[in-house]
Amino acid sequence: MEATNTASILEFLSLTDNRKITQENILAWHQLIGHLNFDVAREAAHLAKQDDKIDWVEPKHILAKARVVADRLDTEARRKQSLDKPEPFVGSPIPLCRHGERIVFCQPCCVELAKKKR
C-alpha cells in the first residue's frame, strides 16, 4: 500500500473522531500498516470503527481486523475455487462387454480380442 492510501485511511478515521492528520502521523501509520493490501486495510478500518469495544482506532486494531478480512477473503476464494472445479469422472473405468462382464474379466471376449490382434 502507498503512503497516500494510508493517508486516505486516516482521513476516513478522522471523519468520526476528529483526529489531526500530519505527515508524521501518516508516516508512523504507514510504517505499521503499510504492508497491508489497501482494500483489506480499508475494510479493516470499517470493521474497527464498527466494533463497539474500540473507542479510538489504532494501528493494532487495523492489523487485527485485517486478519479477519484476509481470512474471510481466503475462505471465499477457496469456496469459489471448489465450485469452479469440474465434476470428477463417475463411472466404471473398465468397459463392459456384450456379456455384461468387465471386458478384462470376460474370458470369451479376452480370447476374441487376442485373436483379432494377431
C-alpha atoms as a PDB file:
ATOM      1  CA  MET A   1       0.000   0.000   0.000  1.00  0.00           C
ATOM      2  CA  GLU A   2       1.231   3.503  -0.764  1.00  0.00           C
ATOM      3  CA  ALA A   3       1.543   6.271   1.814  1.00  0.00           C
ATOM      4  CA  THR A   4      -1.313   8.090   0.066  1.00  0.00           C
ATOM      5  CA  ASN A   5      -3.522   5.058   0.755  1.00  0.00           C
ATOM      6  CA  THR A   6      -2.528   5.180   4.412  1.00  0.00           C
ATOM      7  CA  ALA A   7      -3.445   8.868   4.421  1.00  0.00           C
ATOM      8  CA  SER A   8      -6.872   8.086   2.984  1.00  0.00           C
ATOM      9  CA  ILE A   9      -7.474   5.533   5.749  1.00  0.00           C
ATOM     10  CA  LEU A  10      -6.534   8.153   8.336  1.00  0.00           C
ATOM     11  CA  GLU A  11      -8.856  10.643   6.629  1.00  0.00           C
ATOM     12  CA  PHE A  12     -11.676   8.124   6.879  1.00  0.00           C
ATOM     13  CA  LEU A  13     -10.980   7.622  10.574  1.00  0.00           C
ATOM     14  CA  SER A  14     -10.821  11.374  11.186  1.00  0.00           C
ATOM     15  CA  LEU A  15     -14.348  11.834   9.835  1.00  0.00           C
ATOM     16  CA  THR A  16     -15.769  10.329  13.004  1.00  0.00           C
ATOM     17  CA  ASP A  17     -13.164  11.023  15.668  1.00  0.00           C
ATOM     18  CA  ASN A  18     -11.698  14.390  14.521  1.00  0.00           C
ATOM     19  CA  ARG A  19      -8.110  13.189  14.751  1.00  0.00           C
ATOM     20  CA  LYS A  20      -5.449  15.511  13.355  1.00  0.00           C
ATOM     21  CA  ILE A  21      -3.611  14.189  10.354  1.00  0.00           C
ATOM     22  CA  THR A  22       0.006  15.220   9.904  1.00  0.00           C
ATOM     23  CA  GLN A  23       2.810  13.942   7.722  1.00  0.00           C
ATOM     24  CA  GLU A  24       4.356  12.407  10.829  1.00  0.00           C
ATOM     25  CA  ASN A  25       1.109  10.539  11.628  1.00  0.00           C
ATOM     26  CA  ILE A  26       0.861   9.257   8.079  1.00  0.00           C
ATOM     27  CA  LEU A  27       4.484   8.103   8.153  1.00  0.00           C
ATOM     28  CA  ALA A  28       4.107   6.385  11.523  1.00  0.00           C
ATOM     29  CA  TRP A  29       0.895   4.620  10.477  1.00  0.00           C
ATOM     30  CA  HIS A  30       2.413   3.680   7.129  1.00  0.00           C
ATOM     31  CA  GLN A  31       5.383   2.051   8.872  1.00  0.00           C
ATOM     32  CA  LEU A  32       2.943  -0.074  10.881  1.00  0.00           C
ATOM     33  CA  ILE A  33       0.204  -0.922   8.354  1.00  0.00           C
ATOM     34  CA  GLY A  34       1.832  -0.075   5.008  1.00  0.00           C
ATOM     35  CA  HIS A  35       2.484  -3.733   4.213  1.00  0.00           C
ATOM     36  CA  LEU A  36      -1.256  -4.429   4.022  1.00  0.00           C
ATOM     37  CA  ASN A  37      -3.265  -4.535   0.834  1.00  0.00           C
ATOM     38  CA  PHE A  38      -5.201  -1.258   0.577  1.00  0.00           C
ATOM     39  CA  ASP A  39      -8.621  -2.894   0.125  1.00  0.00           C
ATOM     40  CA  VAL A  40      -8.004  -5.150   3.115  1.00  0.00           C
ATOM     41  CA  ALA A  41      -6.805  -2.213   5.247  1.00  0.00           C
ATOM     42  CA  ARG A  42      -9.786  -0.082   4.227  1.00  0.00           C
ATOM     43  CA  GLU A  43     -12.231  -2.861   5.126  1.00  0.00           C
ATOM     44  CA  ALA A  44     -10.347  -3.410   8.390  1.00  0.00           C
ATOM     45  CA  ALA A  45     -10.773   0.291   9.214  1.00  0.00           C
ATOM     46  CA  HIS A  46     -14.514  -0.020   8.621  1.00  0.00           C
ATOM     47  CA  LEU A  47     -14.695  -3.074  10.878  1.00  0.00           C
ATOM     48  CA  ALA A  48     -12.671  -1.335  13.580  1.00  0.00           C
ATOM     49  CA  LYS A  49     -14.985   1.681  13.515  1.00  0.00           C
ATOM     50  CA  GLN A  50     -17.994  -0.618  13.829  1.00  0.00           C
ATOM     51  CA  ASP A  51     -16.523  -2.505  16.788  1.00  0.00           C
ATOM     52  CA  ASP A  52     -18.198  -1.225  19.955  1.00  0.00           C
ATOM     53  CA  LYS A  53     -15.176  -2.267  22.053  1.00  0.00           C
ATOM     54  CA  ILE A  54     -12.870   0.141  20.183  1.00  0.00           C
ATOM     55  CA  ASP A  55     -13.189   3.808  21.112  1.00  0.00           C
ATOM     56  CA  TRP A  56     -10.117   5.137  19.316  1.00  0.00           C
ATOM     57  CA  VAL A  57      -8.810   3.181  16.333  1.00  0.00           C
ATOM     58  CA  GLU A  58      -5.085   2.489  16.450  1.00  0.00           C
ATOM     59  CA  PRO A  59      -2.828   0.646  14.002  1.00  0.00           C
ATOM     60  CA  LYS A  60      -3.058  -2.507  16.124  1.00  0.00           C
ATOM     61  CA  HIS A  61      -6.828  -2.524  15.571  1.00  0.00           C
ATOM     62  CA  ILE A  62      -6.376  -2.256  11.802  1.00  0.00           C
ATOM     63  CA  LEU A  63      -3.882  -5.133  11.891  1.00  0.00           C
ATOM     64  CA  ALA A  64      -6.201  -7.331  13.950  1.00  0.00           C
ATOM     65  CA  LYS A  65      -9.200  -6.615  11.734  1.00  0.00           C
ATOM     66  CA  ALA A  66      -7.062  -7.114   8.606  1.00  0.00           C
ATOM     67  CA  ARG A  67      -6.518 -10.719   9.702  1.00  0.00           C
ATOM     68  CA  VAL A  68     -10.293 -11.157   9.909  1.00  0.00           C
ATOM     69  CA  VAL A  69     -10.775  -9.631   6.455  1.00  0.00           C
ATOM     70  CA  ALA A  70      -7.948 -11.688   4.915  1.00  0.00           C
ATOM     71  CA  ASP A  71      -9.318 -14.913   6.426  1.00  0.00           C
ATOM     72  CA  ARG A  72     -12.763 -14.131   5.045  1.00  0.00           C
ATOM     73  CA  LEU A  73     -11.334 -13.399   1.575  1.00  0.00           C
ATOM     74  CA  ASP A  74      -9.312 -16.629   1.651  1.00  0.00           C
ATOM     75  CA  THR A  75     -12.382 -18.631   2.638  1.00  0.00           C
ATOM     76  CA  GLU A  76     -14.418 -17.043  -0.148  1.00  0.00           C
ATOM     77  CA  ALA A  77     -11.653 -17.714  -2.680  1.00  0.00           C
ATOM     78  CA  ARG A  78     -11.363 -21.383  -1.618  1.00  0.00           C
ATOM     79  CA  ARG A  79     -15.132 -21.789  -1.789  1.00  0.00           C
ATOM     80  CA  LYS A  80     -15.261 -20.214  -5.248  1.00  0.00           C
ATOM     81  CA  GLN A  81     -12.354 -22.360  -6.415  1.00  0.00           C
ATOM     82  CA  SER A  82     -14.051 -25.519  -5.183  1.00  0.00           C
ATOM     83  CA  LEU A  83     -17.235 -24.520  -7.008  1.00  0.00           C
ATOM     84  CA  ASP A  84     -15.276 -23.955 -10.231  1.00  0.00           C
ATOM     85  CA  LYS A  85     -13.697 -27.415 -10.208  1.00  0.00           C
ATOM     86  CA  PRO A  86     -15.091 -29.764 -12.850  1.00  0.00           C
ATOM     87  CA  GLU A  87     -17.144 -32.718 -11.729  1.00  0.00           C
ATOM     88  CA  PRO A  88     -14.969 -35.785 -11.211  1.00  0.00           C
ATOM     89  CA  PHE A  89     -15.488 -38.668 -13.621  1.00  0.00           C
ATOM     90  CA  VAL A  90     -18.045 -41.051 -12.200  1.00  0.00           C
ATOM     91  CA  GLY A  91     -18.383 -44.473 -13.685  1.00  0.00           C
ATOM     92  CA  SER A  92     -16.572 -47.678 -14.314  1.00  0.00           C
ATOM     93  CA  PRO A  93     -13.060 -47.290 -15.696  1.00  0.00           C
ATOM     94  CA  ILE A  94     -13.365 -50.752 -17.231  1.00  0.00           C
ATOM     95  CA  PRO A  95     -15.922 -51.017 -20.061  1.00  0.00           C
ATOM     96  CA  LEU A  96     -18.493 -53.784 -20.047  1.00  0.00           C
ATOM     97  CA  CYS A  97     -18.603 -56.369 -22.805  1.00  0.00           C
ATOM     98  CA  ARG A  98     -21.660 -57.749 -24.580  1.00  0.00           C
ATOM     99  CA  HIS A  99     -21.925 -60.406 -21.871  1.00  0.00           C
ATOM    100  CA  GLY A 100     -22.296 -57.753 -19.166  1.00  0.00           C
ATOM    101  CA  GLU A 101     -18.895 -58.538 -17.705  1.00  0.00           C
ATOM    102  CA  ARG A 102     -15.996 -56.200 -17.308  1.00  0.00           C
ATOM    103  CA  ILE A 103     -14.042 -56.587 -20.509  1.00  0.00           C
ATOM    104  CA  VAL A 104     -10.760 -57.684 -18.912  1.00  0.00           C
ATOM    105  CA  PHE A 105     -12.516 -60.352 -16.842  1.00  0.00           C
ATOM    106  CA  CYS A 106     -14.683 -61.901 -19.554  1.00  0.00           C
ATOM    107  CA  GLN A 107     -12.761 -64.920 -20.824  1.00  0.00           C
ATOM    108  CA  PRO A 108     -14.590 -65.254 -24.181  1.00  0.00           C
ATOM    109  CA  CYS A 109     -14.133 -61.543 -25.000  1.00  0.00           C
ATOM    110  CA  CYS A 110     -10.471 -61.549 -23.980  1.00  0.00           C
ATOM    111  CA  VAL A 111      -9.789 -64.578 -26.193  1.00  0.00           C
ATOM    112  CA  GLU A 112     -11.694 -62.965 -29.082  1.00  0.00           C
ATOM    113  CA  LEU A 113      -9.763 -59.695 -28.727  1.00  0.00           C
ATOM    114  CA  ALA A 114      -6.453 -61.564 -28.540  1.00  0.00           C
ATOM    115  CA  LYS A 115      -7.252 -63.409 -31.780  1.00  0.00           C
ATOM    116  CA  LYS A 116      -8.113 -60.134 -33.575  1.00  0.00           C
ATOM    117  CA  LYS A 117      -4.780 -58.560 -32.663  1.00  0.00           C
ATOM    118  CA  ARG A 118      -2.773 -61.374 -34.274  1.00  0.00           C
END
